[in-house]
Amino acid sequence: MNRLRDRPFERDFEFRTSRSSGKGGQNVNKTETKVELIFCVEKSQLLSAEEKEIISYKLSSRINEAGELLLNSSESRSQLANKEDVIKKFYALVEKALTKEKKRIPTKVPAAIKQDILNKKKQNSEKKSGRSMRTRDFL
């Protein structure tokens, strides 16, 4: 599979800006620094049908009814920095979604560990059985 960063996704991005809360003092009241990235998964010509299906399934909580992947950033005071940050988030999220998870191969518990567990259980049992009223000697 070729790298996602080599594909020109930027032409499919749509950006929306708004005023953000957080650091910036009075500047946040007058400038639109929050950046929202909108990417329509179904309309993208850069993704295969299989990739679209995987992204739609794995990122369903971030995709709205119109089939748009929504990401936003308001970490910085600068709109440009937030735009770069949201693009990085997009690539990281999509790469993670498209990475196939390795199947776990179950392994056997070694015999020595099983024996150790049994010995600890036996010690614990003996310790607790010594606490019962029947085994105590009364004077």
C-alpha atoms as a PDB file:
ATOM      1  CA  MET A   1       0.000   0.000   0.000  1.00  0.00           C
ATOM      2  CA  ASN A   2       1.401   3.399  -0.914  1.00  0.00           C
ATOM      3  CA  ARG A   3       1.757   6.031   1.749  1.00  0.00           C
ATOM      4  CA  LEU A   4      -1.226   8.244   2.447  1.00  0.00           C
ATOM      5  CA  ARG A   5       0.902  11.389   2.663  1.00  0.00           C
ATOM      6  CA  ASP A   6       1.896  10.890  -0.979  1.00  0.00           C
ATOM      7  CA  ARG A   7      -1.715  11.262  -2.087  1.00  0.00           C
ATOM      8  CA  PRO A   8      -2.958  14.841  -2.656  1.00  0.00           C
ATOM      9  CA  PHE A   9      -5.843  14.800  -0.154  1.00  0.00           C
ATOM     10  CA  GLU A  10      -5.559  18.571   0.316  1.00  0.00           C
ATOM     11  CA  ARG A  11      -7.711  19.209  -2.746  1.00  0.00           C
ATOM     12  CA  ASP A  12     -10.579  17.285  -1.070  1.00  0.00           C
ATOM     13  CA  PHE A  13     -10.303  19.196   2.204  1.00  0.00           C
ATOM     14  CA  GLU A  14     -12.770  21.883   3.108  1.00  0.00           C
ATOM     15  CA  PHE A  15     -11.910  24.199   5.980  1.00  0.00           C
ATOM     16  CA  ARG A  16     -14.232  26.138   8.236  1.00  0.00           C
ATOM     17  CA  THR A  17     -12.995  28.677  10.770  1.00  0.00           C
ATOM     18  CA  SER A  18     -14.639  30.038  13.875  1.00  0.00           C
ATOM     19  CA  ARG A  19     -13.817  31.857  17.060  1.00  0.00           C
ATOM     20  CA  SER A  20     -12.297  29.564  19.608  1.00  0.00           C
ATOM     21  CA  SER A  21     -12.205  29.627  23.357  1.00  0.00           C
ATOM     22  CA  GLY A  22      -9.057  29.253  25.374  1.00  0.00           C
ATOM     23  CA  LYS A  23      -5.785  31.148  25.461  1.00  0.00           C
ATOM     24  CA  GLY A  24      -5.380  34.329  23.485  1.00  0.00           C
ATOM     25  CA  GLY A  25      -6.904  36.963  25.745  1.00  0.00           C
ATOM     26  CA  GLN A  26      -9.016  39.546  23.965  1.00  0.00           C
ATOM     27  CA  ASN A  27      -7.638  38.289  20.648  1.00  0.00           C
ATOM     28  CA  VAL A  28      -9.975  35.245  20.754  1.00  0.00           C
ATOM     29  CA  ASN A  29     -12.979  37.574  20.795  1.00  0.00           C
ATOM     30  CA  LYS A  30     -12.152  39.107  17.432  1.00  0.00           C
ATOM     31  CA  THR A  31     -10.235  36.521  15.371  1.00  0.00           C
ATOM     32  CA  GLU A  32     -11.282  33.157  14.016  1.00  0.00           C
ATOM     33  CA  THR A  33      -8.462  30.825  15.003  1.00  0.00           C
ATOM     34  CA  LYS A  34     -10.335  27.542  15.432  1.00  0.00           C
ATOM     35  CA  VAL A  35     -10.059  25.434  12.267  1.00  0.00           C
ATOM     36  CA  GLU A  36     -12.396  22.590  11.346  1.00  0.00           C
ATOM     37  CA  LEU A  37     -11.402  20.171   8.584  1.00  0.00           C
ATOM     38  CA  ILE A  38     -14.220  18.581   6.596  1.00  0.00           C
ATOM     39  CA  PHE A  39     -13.412  15.584   4.400  1.00  0.00           C
ATOM     40  CA  CYS A  40     -16.138  13.743   2.501  1.00  0.00           C
ATOM     41  CA  VAL A  41     -15.137  10.093   2.624  1.00  0.00           C
ATOM     42  CA  GLU A  42     -17.594   8.815   0.013  1.00  0.00           C
ATOM     43  CA  LYS A  43     -16.779  11.480  -2.598  1.00  0.00           C
ATOM     44  CA  SER A  44     -13.000  11.048  -2.342  1.00  0.00           C
ATOM     45  CA  GLN A  45     -11.426   9.708  -5.529  1.00  0.00           C
ATOM     46  CA  LEU A  46      -8.118   9.039  -3.785  1.00  0.00           C
ATOM     47  CA  LEU A  47      -9.469   6.214  -1.624  1.00  0.00           C
ATOM     48  CA  SER A  48     -10.412   2.765  -2.854  1.00  0.00           C
ATOM     49  CA  ALA A  49     -13.847   1.338  -2.063  1.00  0.00           C
ATOM     50  CA  GLU A  50     -12.285  -0.968   0.528  1.00  0.00           C
ATOM     51  CA  GLU A  51     -10.458   1.943   2.219  1.00  0.00           C
ATOM     52  CA  LYS A  52     -13.666   4.004   2.287  1.00  0.00           C
ATOM     53  CA  GLU A  53     -15.488   1.116   3.943  1.00  0.00           C
ATOM     54  CA  ILE A  54     -12.770   0.652   6.577  1.00  0.00           C
ATOM     55  CA  ILE A  55     -12.623   4.380   7.350  1.00  0.00           C
ATOM     56  CA  SER A  56     -16.396   4.640   7.543  1.00  0.00           C
ATOM     57  CA  TYR A  57     -16.511   1.743  10.007  1.00  0.00           C
ATOM     58  CA  LYS A  58     -13.525   2.591  12.217  1.00  0.00           C
ATOM     59  CA  LEU A  59     -14.108   6.361  12.332  1.00  0.00           C
ATOM     60  CA  SER A  60     -17.917   6.232  12.478  1.00  0.00           C
ATOM     61  CA  SER A  61     -17.986   8.350  15.659  1.00  0.00           C
ATOM     62  CA  ARG A  62     -16.272  11.214  13.789  1.00  0.00           C
ATOM     63  CA  ILE A  63     -18.338  10.965  10.595  1.00  0.00           C
ATOM     64  CA  ASN A  64     -21.651  12.828  10.379  1.00  0.00           C
ATOM     65  CA  GLU A  65     -24.864  11.820   8.553  1.00  0.00           C
ATOM     66  CA  ALA A  66     -23.631  13.432   5.330  1.00  0.00           C
ATOM     67  CA  GLY A  67     -20.592  11.117   5.297  1.00  0.00           C
ATOM     68  CA  GLU A  68     -18.121  13.865   6.228  1.00  0.00           C
ATOM     69  CA  LEU A  69     -15.150  13.244   8.500  1.00  0.00           C
ATOM     70  CA  LEU A  70     -14.926  16.187  10.906  1.00  0.00           C
ATOM     71  CA  LEU A  71     -11.753  17.183  12.759  1.00  0.00           C
ATOM     72  CA  ASN A  72     -10.945  20.431  14.524  1.00  0.00           C
ATOM     73  CA  SER A  73      -8.076  22.184  16.229  1.00  0.00           C
ATOM     74  CA  SER A  74      -7.949  25.231  18.447  1.00  0.00           C
ATOM     75  CA  GLU A  75      -4.678  24.574  20.268  1.00  0.00           C
ATOM     76  CA  SER A  76      -2.764  27.553  18.923  1.00  0.00           C
ATOM     77  CA  ARG A  77      -3.428  31.288  18.732  1.00  0.00           C
ATOM     78  CA  SER A  78      -2.679  31.140  15.024  1.00  0.00           C
ATOM     79  CA  GLN A  79      -5.166  29.991  12.391  1.00  0.00           C
ATOM     80  CA  LEU A  80      -2.324  28.728  10.194  1.00  0.00           C
ATOM     81  CA  ALA A  81      -0.824  26.632  13.018  1.00  0.00           C
ATOM     82  CA  ASN A  82      -4.252  25.166  13.775  1.00  0.00           C
ATOM     83  CA  LYS A  83      -4.736  24.351  10.078  1.00  0.00           C
ATOM     84  CA  GLU A  84      -1.405  22.506   9.965  1.00  0.00           C
ATOM     85  CA  ASP A  85      -2.287  20.712  13.215  1.00  0.00           C
ATOM     86  CA  VAL A  86      -5.674  19.530  11.930  1.00  0.00           C
ATOM     87  CA  ILE A  87      -4.059  18.224   8.709  1.00  0.00           C
ATOM     88  CA  LYS A  88      -1.532  16.251  10.788  1.00  0.00           C
ATOM     89  CA  LYS A  89      -4.421  14.873  12.865  1.00  0.00           C
ATOM     90  CA  PHE A  90      -6.209  13.803   9.667  1.00  0.00           C
ATOM     91  CA  TYR A  91      -3.254  11.847   8.300  1.00  0.00           C
ATOM     92  CA  ALA A  92      -2.509  10.216  11.672  1.00  0.00           C
ATOM     93  CA  LEU A  93      -6.143   9.206  12.148  1.00  0.00           C
ATOM     94  CA  VAL A  94      -6.613   7.795   8.645  1.00  0.00           C
ATOM     95  CA  GLU A  95      -3.265   5.958   8.712  1.00  0.00           C
ATOM     96  CA  LYS A  96      -4.170   4.383  12.049  1.00  0.00           C
ATOM     97  CA  ALA A  97      -7.603   3.367  10.737  1.00  0.00           C
ATOM     98  CA  LEU A  98      -6.118   1.752   7.620  1.00  0.00           C
ATOM     99  CA  THR A  99      -3.331  -0.077   9.464  1.00  0.00           C
ATOM    100  CA  LYS A 100      -4.189  -3.740   9.793  1.00  0.00           C
ATOM    101  CA  GLU A 101      -4.015  -5.053  13.336  1.00  0.00           C
ATOM    102  CA  LYS A 102      -1.826  -8.067  13.891  1.00  0.00           C
ATOM    103  CA  LYS A 103      -3.725 -11.149  14.955  1.00  0.00           C
ATOM    104  CA  ARG A 104      -2.760 -12.261  18.440  1.00  0.00           C
ATOM    105  CA  ILE A 105      -1.275 -15.724  18.562  1.00  0.00           C
ATOM    106  CA  PRO A 106      -2.203 -17.351  21.867  1.00  0.00           C
ATOM    107  CA  THR A 107       0.682 -18.982  23.702  1.00  0.00           C
ATOM    108  CA  LYS A 108       0.696 -21.716  26.314  1.00  0.00           C
ATOM    109  CA  VAL A 109       1.460 -20.930  29.937  1.00  0.00           C
ATOM    110  CA  PRO A 110       4.752 -22.653  30.823  1.00  0.00           C
ATOM    111  CA  ALA A 111       4.538 -25.648  33.170  1.00  0.00           C
ATOM    112  CA  ALA A 112       6.835 -24.014  35.751  1.00  0.00           C
ATOM    113  CA  ILE A 113       4.487 -21.023  36.031  1.00  0.00           C
ATOM    114  CA  LYS A 114       1.452 -23.296  36.398  1.00  0.00           C
ATOM    115  CA  GLN A 115       3.218 -25.182  39.197  1.00  0.00           C
ATOM    116  CA  ASP A 116       4.178 -21.900  40.895  1.00  0.00           C
ATOM    117  CA  ILE A 117       0.524 -20.746  40.803  1.00  0.00           C
ATOM    118  CA  LEU A 118      -0.633 -24.043  42.332  1.00  0.00           C
ATOM    119  CA  ASN A 119       1.994 -23.793  45.100  1.00  0.00           C
ATOM    120  CA  LYS A 120       0.870 -20.247  45.986  1.00  0.00           C
ATOM    121  CA  LYS A 121      -2.765 -21.392  46.093  1.00  0.00           C
ATOM    122  CA  LYS A 122      -1.839 -24.252  48.397  1.00  0.00           C
ATOM    123  CA  GLN A 123       0.086 -21.936  50.752  1.00  0.00           C
ATOM    124  CA  ASN A 124      -2.829 -19.505  50.837  1.00  0.00           C
ATOM    125  CA  SER A 125      -5.264 -22.314  51.551  1.00  0.00           C
ATOM    126  CA  GLU A 126      -3.161 -23.628  54.433  1.00  0.00           C
ATOM    127  CA  LYS A 127      -2.824 -20.143  55.874  1.00  0.00           C
ATOM    128  CA  LYS A 128      -6.596 -19.567  55.790  1.00  0.00           C
ATOM    129  CA  SER A 129      -7.494 -23.027  57.083  1.00  0.00           C
ATOM    130  CA  GLY A 130      -5.380 -22.285  60.161  1.00  0.00           C
ATOM    131  CA  ARG A 131      -7.697 -19.379  60.942  1.00  0.00           C
ATOM    132  CA  SER A 132     -10.857 -21.433  61.338  1.00  0.00           C
ATOM    133  CA  MET A 133     -12.455 -22.012  64.749  1.00  0.00           C
ATOM    134  CA  ARG A 134     -12.258 -25.808  64.480  1.00  0.00           C
ATOM    135  CA  THR A 135      -8.501 -25.928  64.255  1.00  0.00           C
ATOM    136  CA  ARG A 136      -7.749 -23.476  67.070  1.00  0.00           C
ATOM    137  CA  ASP A 137      -6.829 -24.826  70.485  1.00  0.00           C
ATOM    138  CA  PHE A 138      -8.629 -23.201  73.379  1.00  0.00           C
ATOM    139  CA  LEU A 139      -7.164 -23.212  76.871  1.00  0.00           C
END
